């Protein structure tokens, strides 16, 4: 369990005291998508700056491999969103349909 950013039991206890855990899960999913899009844009921007050879069939581009390894080490977007909820950086407001 120590390899995770947040403990799932702590998330459940904290969110159940605030209100609906299902609304929090939806909000974390939306935030995780936003984080994933940001990471994807950063990766794309960094890959564009790498010079590519005309003939890439000879072997792998080590600059691109180094960049992709940097992004592989990042935590998953859902864990970042969960951490934001635990640190009270993400406030959830859902419209109730009545």
PDB file of N, CA and C in Angstrom:
ATOM      1  N   UNK A   1       0.805  -1.201   0.000  1.00  0.00           N
ATOM      2  CA  UNK A   1       0.000   0.000   0.000  1.00  0.00           C
ATOM      3  C   UNK A   1       0.845   1.261   0.000  1.00  0.00           C
ATOM      4  N   UNK A   2       2.068   1.198   0.431  1.00  0.00           N
ATOM      5  CA  UNK A   2       2.892   2.395   0.538  1.00  0.00           C
ATOM      6  C   UNK A   2       3.310   2.934  -0.830  1.00  0.00           C
ATOM      7  N   UNK A   3       3.118   2.168  -1.902  1.00  0.00           N
ATOM      8  CA  UNK A   3       3.502   2.646  -3.226  1.00  0.00           C
ATOM      9  C   UNK A   3       2.474   3.605  -3.811  1.00  0.00           C
ATOM     10  N   UNK A   4       1.286   3.648  -3.243  1.00  0.00           N
ATOM     11  CA  UNK A   4       0.241   4.536  -3.745  1.00  0.00           C
ATOM     12  C   UNK A   4       0.345   5.905  -3.104  1.00  0.00           C
ATOM     13  N   UNK A   5      -0.140   6.913  -3.816  1.00  0.00           N
ATOM     14  CA  UNK A   5      -0.112   8.280  -3.317  1.00  0.00           C
ATOM     15  C   UNK A   5      -1.098   8.440  -2.169  1.00  0.00           C
ATOM     16  N   UNK A   6      -2.282   7.856  -2.320  1.00  0.00           N
ATOM     17  CA  UNK A   6      -3.303   7.955  -1.278  1.00  0.00           C
ATOM     18  C   UNK A   6      -3.826   6.567  -0.955  1.00  0.00           C
ATOM     19  N   UNK A   7      -4.340   6.437   0.234  1.00  0.00           N
ATOM     20  CA  UNK A   7      -4.907   5.175   0.681  1.00  0.00           C
ATOM     21  C   UNK A   7      -6.401   5.176   0.357  1.00  0.00           C
ATOM     22  N   UNK A   8      -6.923   4.189  -0.387  1.00  0.00           N
ATOM     23  CA  UNK A   8      -8.340   4.186  -0.757  1.00  0.00           C
ATOM     24  C   UNK A   8      -9.290   4.216   0.435  1.00  0.00           C
ATOM     25  N   UNK A   9      -8.915   3.624   1.537  1.00  0.00           N
ATOM     26  CA  UNK A   9      -9.774   3.635   2.717  1.00  0.00           C
ATOM     27  C   UNK A   9      -9.913   5.056   3.251  1.00  0.00           C
ATOM     28  N   UNK A  10      -8.833   5.821   3.237  1.00  0.00           N
ATOM     29  CA  UNK A  10      -8.888   7.211   3.688  1.00  0.00           C
ATOM     30  C   UNK A  10      -9.799   8.038   2.792  1.00  0.00           C
ATOM     31  N   UNK A  11      -9.742   7.804   1.502  1.00  0.00           N
ATOM     32  CA  UNK A  11     -10.603   8.535   0.569  1.00  0.00           C
ATOM     33  C   UNK A  11     -12.060   8.236   0.866  1.00  0.00           C
ATOM     34  N   UNK A  12     -12.382   6.978   1.073  1.00  0.00           N
ATOM     35  CA  UNK A  12     -13.770   6.594   1.347  1.00  0.00           C
ATOM     36  C   UNK A  12     -14.265   7.234   2.630  1.00  0.00           C
ATOM     37  N   UNK A  13     -13.459   7.221   3.675  1.00  0.00           N
ATOM     38  CA  UNK A  13     -13.871   7.795   4.955  1.00  0.00           C
ATOM     39  C   UNK A  13     -14.041   9.307   4.830  1.00  0.00           C
ATOM     40  N   UNK A  14     -13.137   9.958   4.159  1.00  0.00           N
ATOM     41  CA  UNK A  14     -13.200  11.416   4.034  1.00  0.00           C
ATOM     42  C   UNK A  14     -14.395  11.844   3.187  1.00  0.00           C
ATOM     43  N   UNK A  15     -14.598  11.215   2.058  1.00  0.00           N
ATOM     44  CA  UNK A  15     -15.676  11.606   1.163  1.00  0.00           C
ATOM     45  C   UNK A  15     -17.048  11.240   1.704  1.00  0.00           C
ATOM     46  N   UNK A  16     -17.157  10.151   2.440  1.00  0.00           N
ATOM     47  CA  UNK A  16     -18.463   9.794   2.977  1.00  0.00           C
ATOM     48  C   UNK A  16     -18.890  10.780   4.059  1.00  0.00           C
ATOM     49  N   UNK A  17     -17.932  11.429   4.704  1.00  0.00           N
ATOM     50  CA  UNK A  17     -18.288  12.434   5.708  1.00  0.00           C
ATOM     51  C   UNK A  17     -18.755  13.725   5.050  1.00  0.00           C
ATOM     52  N   UNK A  18     -18.362  13.981   3.802  1.00  0.00           N
ATOM     53  CA  UNK A  18     -18.744  15.204   3.099  1.00  0.00           C
ATOM     54  C   UNK A  18     -20.084  15.069   2.384  1.00  0.00           C
ATOM     55  N   UNK A  19     -20.400  13.902   1.916  1.00  0.00           N
ATOM     56  CA  UNK A  19     -21.623  13.731   1.127  1.00  0.00           C
ATOM     57  C   UNK A  19     -21.534  12.474   0.300  1.00  0.00           C
ATOM     58  N   UNK A  20     -22.031  12.532  -0.911  1.00  0.00           N
ATOM     59  CA  UNK A  20     -22.087  11.378  -1.781  1.00  0.00           C
ATOM     60  C   UNK A  20     -20.706  11.028  -2.324  1.00  0.00           C
ATOM     61  N   UNK A  21     -20.305   9.806  -2.082  1.00  0.00           N
ATOM     62  CA  UNK A  21     -19.003   9.356  -2.584  1.00  0.00           C
ATOM     63  C   UNK A  21     -19.055   9.192  -4.108  1.00  0.00           C
ATOM     64  N   UNK A  22     -20.244   8.910  -4.646  1.00  0.00           N
ATOM     65  CA  UNK A  22     -20.386   8.725  -6.089  1.00  0.00           C
ATOM     66  C   UNK A  22     -20.140  10.030  -6.840  1.00  0.00           C
ATOM     67  N   UNK A  23     -20.617  11.151  -6.273  1.00  0.00           N
ATOM     68  CA  UNK A  23     -20.352  12.443  -6.892  1.00  0.00           C
ATOM     69  C   UNK A  23     -18.856  12.748  -6.865  1.00  0.00           C
ATOM     70  N   UNK A  24     -18.210  12.370  -5.792  1.00  0.00           N
ATOM     71  CA  UNK A  24     -16.771  12.592  -5.687  1.00  0.00           C
ATOM     72  C   UNK A  24     -16.009  11.747  -6.699  1.00  0.00           C
ATOM     73  N   UNK A  25     -16.461  10.532  -6.914  1.00  0.00           N
ATOM     74  CA  UNK A  25     -15.810   9.658  -7.898  1.00  0.00           C
ATOM     75  C   UNK A  25     -15.949  10.239  -9.296  1.00  0.00           C
ATOM     76  N   UNK A  26     -17.126  10.754  -9.619  1.00  0.00           N
ATOM     77  CA  UNK A  26     -17.339  11.371 -10.923  1.00  0.00           C
ATOM     78  C   UNK A  26     -16.428  12.587 -11.082  1.00  0.00           C
ATOM     79  N   UNK A  27     -16.362  13.406 -10.035  1.00  0.00           N
ATOM     80  CA  UNK A  27     -15.518  14.600 -10.083  1.00  0.00           C
ATOM     81  C   UNK A  27     -14.043  14.224 -10.239  1.00  0.00           C
ATOM     82  N   UNK A  28     -13.601  13.184  -9.528  1.00  0.00           N
ATOM     83  CA  UNK A  28     -12.213  12.744  -9.671  1.00  0.00           C
ATOM     84  C   UNK A  28     -11.944  12.219 -11.073  1.00  0.00           C
ATOM     85  N   UNK A  29     -12.930  11.546 -11.665  1.00  0.00           N
ATOM     86  CA  UNK A  29     -12.775  11.060 -13.033  1.00  0.00           C
ATOM     87  C   UNK A  29     -12.642  12.195 -14.031  1.00  0.00           C
ATOM     88  N   UNK A  30     -13.459  13.238 -13.843  1.00  0.00           N
ATOM     89  CA  UNK A  30     -13.382  14.404 -14.727  1.00  0.00           C
ATOM     90  C   UNK A  30     -12.025  15.090 -14.567  1.00  0.00           C
ATOM     91  N   UNK A  31     -11.585  15.250 -13.322  1.00  0.00           N
ATOM     92  CA  UNK A  31     -10.288  15.894 -13.072  1.00  0.00           C
ATOM     93  C   UNK A  31      -9.147  15.048 -13.636  1.00  0.00           C
ATOM     94  N   UNK A  32      -9.255  13.719 -13.524  1.00  0.00           N
ATOM     95  CA  UNK A  32      -8.217  12.835 -14.063  1.00  0.00           C
ATOM     96  C   UNK A  32      -8.110  12.986 -15.574  1.00  0.00           C
ATOM     97  N   UNK A  33      -9.251  13.160 -16.253  1.00  0.00           N
ATOM     98  CA  UNK A  33      -9.216  13.382 -17.701  1.00  0.00           C
ATOM     99  C   UNK A  33      -8.519  14.697 -18.034  1.00  0.00           C
ATOM    100  N   UNK A  34      -8.790  15.736 -17.235  1.00  0.00           N
ATOM    101  CA  UNK A  34      -8.127  17.022 -17.459  1.00  0.00           C
ATOM    102  C   UNK A  34      -6.617  16.883 -17.287  1.00  0.00           C
ATOM    103  N   UNK A  35      -6.205  16.195 -16.237  1.00  0.00           N
ATOM    104  CA  UNK A  35      -4.773  15.982 -15.983  1.00  0.00           C
ATOM    105  C   UNK A  35      -4.151  15.175 -17.121  1.00  0.00           C
ATOM    106  N   UNK A  36      -4.845  14.149 -17.574  1.00  0.00           N
ATOM    107  CA  UNK A  36      -4.348  13.320 -18.670  1.00  0.00           C
ATOM    108  C   UNK A  36      -4.175  14.147 -19.943  1.00  0.00           C
ATOM    109  N   UNK A  37      -5.126  15.034 -20.220  1.00  0.00           N
ATOM    110  CA  UNK A  37      -5.004  15.894 -21.401  1.00  0.00           C
ATOM    111  C   UNK A  37      -3.811  16.835 -21.276  1.00  0.00           C
ATOM    112  N   UNK A  38      -3.563  17.362 -20.081  1.00  0.00           N
ATOM    113  CA  UNK A  38      -2.413  18.242 -19.873  1.00  0.00           C
ATOM    114  C   UNK A  38      -1.106  17.487 -20.099  1.00  0.00           C
ATOM    115  N   UNK A  39      -1.021  16.280 -19.566  1.00  0.00           N
ATOM    116  CA  UNK A  39       0.186  15.468 -19.739  1.00  0.00           C
ATOM    117  C   UNK A  39       0.399  15.143 -21.216  1.00  0.00           C
ATOM    118  N   UNK A  40      -0.691  14.825 -21.911  1.00  0.00           N
ATOM    119  CA  UNK A  40      -0.592  14.499 -23.334  1.00  0.00           C
ATOM    120  C   UNK A  40      -0.101  15.698 -24.139  1.00  0.00           C
ATOM    121  N   UNK A  41      -0.605  16.899 -23.811  1.00  0.00           N
ATOM    122  CA  UNK A  41      -0.153  18.102 -24.518  1.00  0.00           C
ATOM    123  C   UNK A  41       1.327  18.361 -24.254  1.00  0.00           C
ATOM    124  N   UNK A  42       1.777  18.159 -23.016  1.00  0.00           N
ATOM    125  CA  UNK A  42       3.190  18.357 -22.685  1.00  0.00           C
ATOM    126  C   UNK A  42       4.061  17.367 -23.442  1.00  0.00           C
ATOM    127  N   UNK A  43       3.634  16.112 -23.491  1.00  0.00           N
ATOM    128  CA  UNK A  43       4.393  15.088 -24.200  1.00  0.00           C
ATOM    129  C   UNK A  43       4.468  15.399 -25.689  1.00  0.00           C
ATOM    130  N   UNK A  44       3.355  15.804 -26.272  1.00  0.00           N
ATOM    131  CA  UNK A  44       3.326  16.138 -27.690  1.00  0.00           C
ATOM    132  C   UNK A  44       4.243  17.319 -27.998  1.00  0.00           C
ATOM    133  N   UNK A  45       4.203  18.330 -27.126  1.00  0.00           N
ATOM    134  CA  UNK A  45       5.053  19.508 -27.344  1.00  0.00           C
ATOM    135  C   UNK A  45       6.527  19.144 -27.253  1.00  0.00           C
ATOM    136  N   UNK A  46       6.881  18.303 -26.308  1.00  0.00           N
ATOM    137  CA  UNK A  46       8.296  17.915 -26.168  1.00  0.00           C
ATOM    138  C   UNK A  46       8.743  17.032 -27.321  1.00  0.00           C
ATOM    139  N   UNK A  47       7.859  16.172 -27.810  1.00  0.00           N
ATOM    140  CA  UNK A  47       8.217  15.292 -28.929  1.00  0.00           C
ATOM    141  C   UNK A  47       8.403  16.079 -30.223  1.00  0.00           C
ATOM    142  N   UNK A  48       7.657  17.185 -30.379  1.00  0.00           N
ATOM    143  CA  UNK A  48       7.793  17.994 -31.588  1.00  0.00           C
ATOM    144  C   UNK A  48       9.154  18.675 -31.650  1.00  0.00           C
ATOM    145  N   UNK A  49       9.738  18.965 -30.493  1.00  0.00           N
ATOM    146  CA  UNK A  49      11.028  19.650 -30.457  1.00  0.00           C
ATOM    147  C   UNK A  49      12.203  18.727 -30.771  1.00  0.00           C
ATOM    148  N   UNK A  50      11.981  17.440 -30.769  1.00  0.00           N
ATOM    149  CA  UNK A  50      13.049  16.475 -31.037  1.00  0.00           C
ATOM    150  C   UNK A  50      13.225  16.350 -32.544  1.00  0.00           C
ATOM    151  N   UNK A  51      14.458  16.455 -32.949  1.00  0.00           N
ATOM    152  CA  UNK A  51      14.751  16.313 -34.371  1.00  0.00           C
ATOM    153  C   UNK A  51      14.619  14.857 -34.772  1.00  0.00           C
ATOM    154  N   UNK A  52      13.988  14.642 -35.901  1.00  0.00           N
ATOM    155  CA  UNK A  52      13.833  13.282 -36.408  1.00  0.00           C
ATOM    156  C   UNK A  52      14.637  13.135 -37.688  1.00  0.00           C
ATOM    157  N   UNK A  53      15.219  11.984 -37.840  1.00  0.00           N
ATOM    158  CA  UNK A  53      15.967  11.685 -39.062  1.00  0.00           C
ATOM    159  C   UNK A  53      14.998  11.340 -40.180  1.00  0.00           C
ATOM    160  N   UNK A  54      15.446  11.520 -41.373  1.00  0.00           N
ATOM    161  CA  UNK A  54      14.607  11.193 -42.527  1.00  0.00           C
ATOM    162  C   UNK A  54      14.341   9.692 -42.588  1.00  0.00           C
ATOM    163  N   UNK A  55      15.320   8.905 -42.150  1.00  0.00           N
ATOM    164  CA  UNK A  55      15.176   7.457 -42.215  1.00  0.00           C
ATOM    165  C   UNK A  55      15.160   6.895 -40.789  1.00  0.00           C
ATOM    166  N   UNK A  56      13.963   6.715 -40.236  1.00  0.00           N
ATOM    167  CA  UNK A  56      13.838   6.190 -38.870  1.00  0.00           C
ATOM    168  C   UNK A  56      13.827   4.670 -38.828  1.00  0.00           C
ATOM    169  N   UNK A  57      13.929   4.032 -39.994  1.00  0.00           N
ATOM    170  CA  UNK A  57      13.883   2.579 -40.028  1.00  0.00           C
ATOM    171  C   UNK A  57      15.188   1.947 -39.547  1.00  0.00           C
ATOM    172  N   UNK A  58      16.241   2.744 -39.414  1.00  0.00           N
ATOM    173  CA  UNK A  58      17.533   2.195 -38.995  1.00  0.00           C
ATOM    174  C   UNK A  58      17.542   1.790 -37.522  1.00  0.00           C
ATOM    175  N   UNK A  59      16.785   2.477 -36.696  1.00  0.00           N
ATOM    176  CA  UNK A  59      16.773   2.161 -35.283  1.00  0.00           C
ATOM    177  C   UNK A  59      15.928   3.154 -34.501  1.00  0.00           C
ATOM    178  N   UNK A  60      15.837   2.942 -33.209  1.00  0.00           N
ATOM    179  CA  UNK A  60      14.995   3.826 -32.398  1.00  0.00           C
ATOM    180  C   UNK A  60      15.636   5.196 -32.191  1.00  0.00           C
ATOM    181  N   UNK A  61      14.812   6.167 -31.985  1.00  0.00           N
ATOM    182  CA  UNK A  61      15.271   7.515 -31.683  1.00  0.00           C
ATOM    183  C   UNK A  61      15.427   7.605 -30.166  1.00  0.00           C
ATOM    184  N   UNK A  62      16.649   7.688 -29.696  1.00  0.00           N
ATOM    185  CA  UNK A  62      16.916   7.625 -28.262  1.00  0.00           C
ATOM    186  C   UNK A  62      16.442   8.868 -27.519  1.00  0.00           C
ATOM    187  N   UNK A  63      16.372   9.998 -28.202  1.00  0.00           N
ATOM    188  CA  UNK A  63      15.846  11.213 -27.567  1.00  0.00           C
ATOM    189  C   UNK A  63      14.363  11.040 -27.239  1.00  0.00           C
ATOM    190  N   UNK A  64      13.615  10.481 -28.190  1.00  0.00           N
ATOM    191  CA  UNK A  64      12.191  10.248 -27.951  1.00  0.00           C
ATOM    192  C   UNK A  64      11.977   9.196 -26.867  1.00  0.00           C
ATOM    193  N   UNK A  65      12.827   8.191 -26.847  1.00  0.00           N
ATOM    194  CA  UNK A  65      12.709   7.168 -25.806  1.00  0.00           C
ATOM    195  C   UNK A  65      12.972   7.755 -24.419  1.00  0.00           C
ATOM    196  N   UNK A  66      13.942   8.639 -24.312  1.00  0.00           N
ATOM    197  CA  UNK A  66      14.249   9.268 -23.024  1.00  0.00           C
ATOM    198  C   UNK A  66      13.084  10.127 -22.550  1.00  0.00           C
ATOM    199  N   UNK A  67      12.460  10.855 -23.471  1.00  0.00           N
ATOM    200  CA  UNK A  67      11.310  11.683 -23.104  1.00  0.00           C
ATOM    201  C   UNK A  67      10.142  10.811 -22.670  1.00  0.00           C
ATOM    202  N   UNK A  68       9.871   9.750 -23.394  1.00  0.00           N
ATOM    203  CA  UNK A  68       8.745   8.887 -23.028  1.00  0.00           C
ATOM    204  C   UNK A  68       8.991   8.186 -21.697  1.00  0.00           C
ATOM    205  N   UNK A  69      10.224   7.870 -21.378  1.00  0.00           N
ATOM    206  CA  UNK A  69      10.524   7.261 -20.075  1.00  0.00           C
ATOM    207  C   UNK A  69      10.286   8.243 -18.935  1.00  0.00           C
ATOM    208  N   UNK A  70      10.560   9.525 -19.177  1.00  0.00           N
ATOM    209  CA  UNK A  70      10.275  10.543 -18.155  1.00  0.00           C
ATOM    210  C   UNK A  70       8.784  10.586 -17.840  1.00  0.00           C
ATOM    211  N   UNK A  71       7.955  10.482 -18.878  1.00  0.00           N
ATOM    212  CA  UNK A  71       6.516  10.541 -18.673  1.00  0.00           C
ATOM    213  C   UNK A  71       5.965   9.231 -18.119  1.00  0.00           C
ATOM    214  N   UNK A  72       6.655   8.117 -18.334  1.00  0.00           N
ATOM    215  CA  UNK A  72       6.216   6.840 -17.783  1.00  0.00           C
ATOM    216  C   UNK A  72       6.329   6.801 -16.265  1.00  0.00           C
ATOM    217  N   UNK A  73       7.223   7.594 -15.717  1.00  0.00           N
ATOM    218  CA  UNK A  73       7.461   7.602 -14.274  1.00  0.00           C
ATOM    219  C   UNK A  73       6.381   8.397 -13.523  1.00  0.00           C
ATOM    220  N   UNK A  74       5.695   9.296 -14.226  1.00  0.00           N
ATOM    221  CA  UNK A  74       4.668  10.109 -13.586  1.00  0.00           C
ATOM    222  C   UNK A  74       3.557   9.234 -13.000  1.00  0.00           C
ATOM    223  N   UNK A  75       2.965   9.663 -11.885  1.00  0.00           N
ATOM    224  CA  UNK A  75       1.843   8.890 -11.335  1.00  0.00           C
ATOM    225  C   UNK A  75       0.630   8.970 -12.256  1.00  0.00           C
ATOM    226  N   UNK A  76      -0.244   8.012 -12.113  1.00  0.00           N
ATOM    227  CA  UNK A  76      -1.450   7.975 -12.925  1.00  0.00           C
ATOM    228  C   UNK A  76      -2.323   9.192 -12.625  1.00  0.00           C
ATOM    229  N   UNK A  77      -3.020   9.711 -13.631  1.00  0.00           N
ATOM    230  CA  UNK A  77      -3.855  10.899 -13.424  1.00  0.00           C
ATOM    231  C   UNK A  77      -4.914  10.724 -12.337  1.00  0.00           C
ATOM    232  N   UNK A  78      -5.465   9.526 -12.193  1.00  0.00           N
ATOM    233  CA  UNK A  78      -6.493   9.319 -11.161  1.00  0.00           C
ATOM    234  C   UNK A  78      -5.887   9.449  -9.766  1.00  0.00           C
ATOM    235  N   UNK A  79      -4.650   9.015  -9.598  1.00  0.00           N
ATOM    236  CA  UNK A  79      -4.004   9.160  -8.290  1.00  0.00           C
ATOM    237  C   UNK A  79      -3.720  10.630  -7.980  1.00  0.00           C
ATOM    238  N   UNK A  80      -3.379  11.401  -9.005  1.00  0.00           N
ATOM    239  CA  UNK A  80      -3.161  12.832  -8.796  1.00  0.00           C
ATOM    240  C   UNK A  80      -4.478  13.498  -8.399  1.00  0.00           C
ATOM    241  N   UNK A  81      -5.581  13.117  -9.072  1.00  0.00           N
ATOM    242  CA  UNK A  81      -6.892  13.671  -8.734  1.00  0.00           C
ATOM    243  C   UNK A  81      -7.306  13.276  -7.316  1.00  0.00           C
ATOM    244  N   UNK A  82      -7.035  12.048  -6.926  1.00  0.00           N
ATOM    245  CA  UNK A  82      -7.358  11.604  -5.568  1.00  0.00           C
ATOM    246  C   UNK A  82      -6.543  12.387  -4.540  1.00  0.00           C
ATOM    247  N   UNK A  83      -5.298  12.634  -4.854  1.00  0.00           N
ATOM    248  CA  UNK A  83      -4.442  13.408  -3.951  1.00  0.00           C
ATOM    249  C   UNK A  83      -4.965  14.830  -3.810  1.00  0.00           C
ATOM    250  N   UNK A  84      -5.441  15.422  -4.898  1.00  0.00           N
ATOM    251  CA  UNK A  84      -6.017  16.761  -4.831  1.00  0.00           C
ATOM    252  C   UNK A  84      -7.257  16.793  -3.942  1.00  0.00           C
ATOM    253  N   UNK A  85      -8.061  15.746  -4.001  1.00  0.00           N
ATOM    254  CA  UNK A  85      -9.245  15.674  -3.131  1.00  0.00           C
ATOM    255  C   UNK A  85      -8.816  15.550  -1.675  1.00  0.00           C
ATOM    256  N   UNK A  86      -7.822  14.725  -1.428  1.00  0.00           N
ATOM    257  CA  UNK A  86      -7.361  14.527  -0.049  1.00  0.00           C
ATOM    258  C   UNK A  86      -6.741  15.790   0.527  1.00  0.00           C
ATOM    259  N   UNK A  87      -6.110  16.594  -0.301  1.00  0.00           N
ATOM    260  CA  UNK A  87      -5.477  17.833   0.156  1.00  0.00           C
ATOM    261  C   UNK A  87      -6.423  19.030   0.083  1.00  0.00           C
ATOM    262  N   UNK A  88      -7.706  18.771  -0.184  1.00  0.00           N
ATOM    263  CA  UNK A  88      -8.741  19.810  -0.300  1.00  0.00           C
ATOM    264  C   UNK A  88      -8.401  20.843  -1.367  1.00  0.00           C
ATOM    265  N   UNK A  89      -7.760  20.412  -2.443  1.00  0.00           N
ATOM    266  CA  UNK A  89      -7.470  21.300  -3.570  1.00  0.00           C
ATOM    267  C   UNK A  89      -8.566  21.229  -4.624  1.00  0.00           C
ATOM    268  N   UNK A  90      -9.419  20.220  -4.523  1.00  0.00           N
ATOM    269  CA  UNK A  90     -10.490  20.014  -5.500  1.00  0.00           C
ATOM    270  C   UNK A  90     -11.813  20.065  -4.762  1.00  0.00           C
ATOM    271  N   UNK A  91     -12.617  21.045  -5.081  1.00  0.00           N
ATOM    272  CA  UNK A  91     -13.932  21.176  -4.468  1.00  0.00           C
ATOM    273  C   UNK A  91     -14.976  20.706  -5.467  1.00  0.00           C
ATOM    274  N   UNK A  92     -15.907  19.910  -4.979  1.00  0.00           N
ATOM    275  CA  UNK A  92     -16.916  19.301  -5.838  1.00  0.00           C
ATOM    276  C   UNK A  92     -18.266  19.959  -5.577  1.00  0.00           C
ATOM    277  N   UNK A  93     -18.884  20.438  -6.655  1.00  0.00           N
ATOM    278  CA  UNK A  93     -20.246  20.959  -6.569  1.00  0.00           C
ATOM    279  C   UNK A  93     -21.033  20.384  -7.723  1.00  0.00           C
ATOM    280  N   UNK A  94     -22.045  19.625  -7.409  1.00  0.00           N
ATOM    281  CA  UNK A  94     -22.890  19.033  -8.423  1.00  0.00           C
ATOM    282  C   UNK A  94     -24.258  19.690  -8.362  1.00  0.00           C
ATOM    283  N   UNK A  95     -24.860  19.877  -9.530  1.00  0.00           N
ATOM    284  CA  UNK A  95     -26.216  20.403  -9.574  1.00  0.00           C
ATOM    285  C   UNK A  95     -27.187  19.275  -9.309  1.00  0.00           C
ATOM    286  N   UNK A  96     -28.048  19.441  -8.341  1.00  0.00           N
ATOM    287  CA  UNK A  96     -29.073  18.439  -8.065  1.00  0.00           C
ATOM    288  C   UNK A  96     -30.257  18.698  -8.966  1.00  0.00           C
ATOM    289  N   UNK A  97     -30.659  17.652  -9.670  1.00  0.00           N
ATOM    290  CA  UNK A  97     -31.798  17.772 -10.582  1.00  0.00           C
ATOM    291  C   UNK A  97     -33.050  17.383  -9.823  1.00  0.00           C
ATOM    292  N   UNK A  98     -33.868  18.379  -9.522  1.00  0.00           N
ATOM    293  CA  UNK A  98     -35.134  18.121  -8.827  1.00  0.00           C
ATOM    294  C   UNK A  98     -36.240  18.907  -9.472  1.00  0.00           C
TER     295      UNK A  98
END
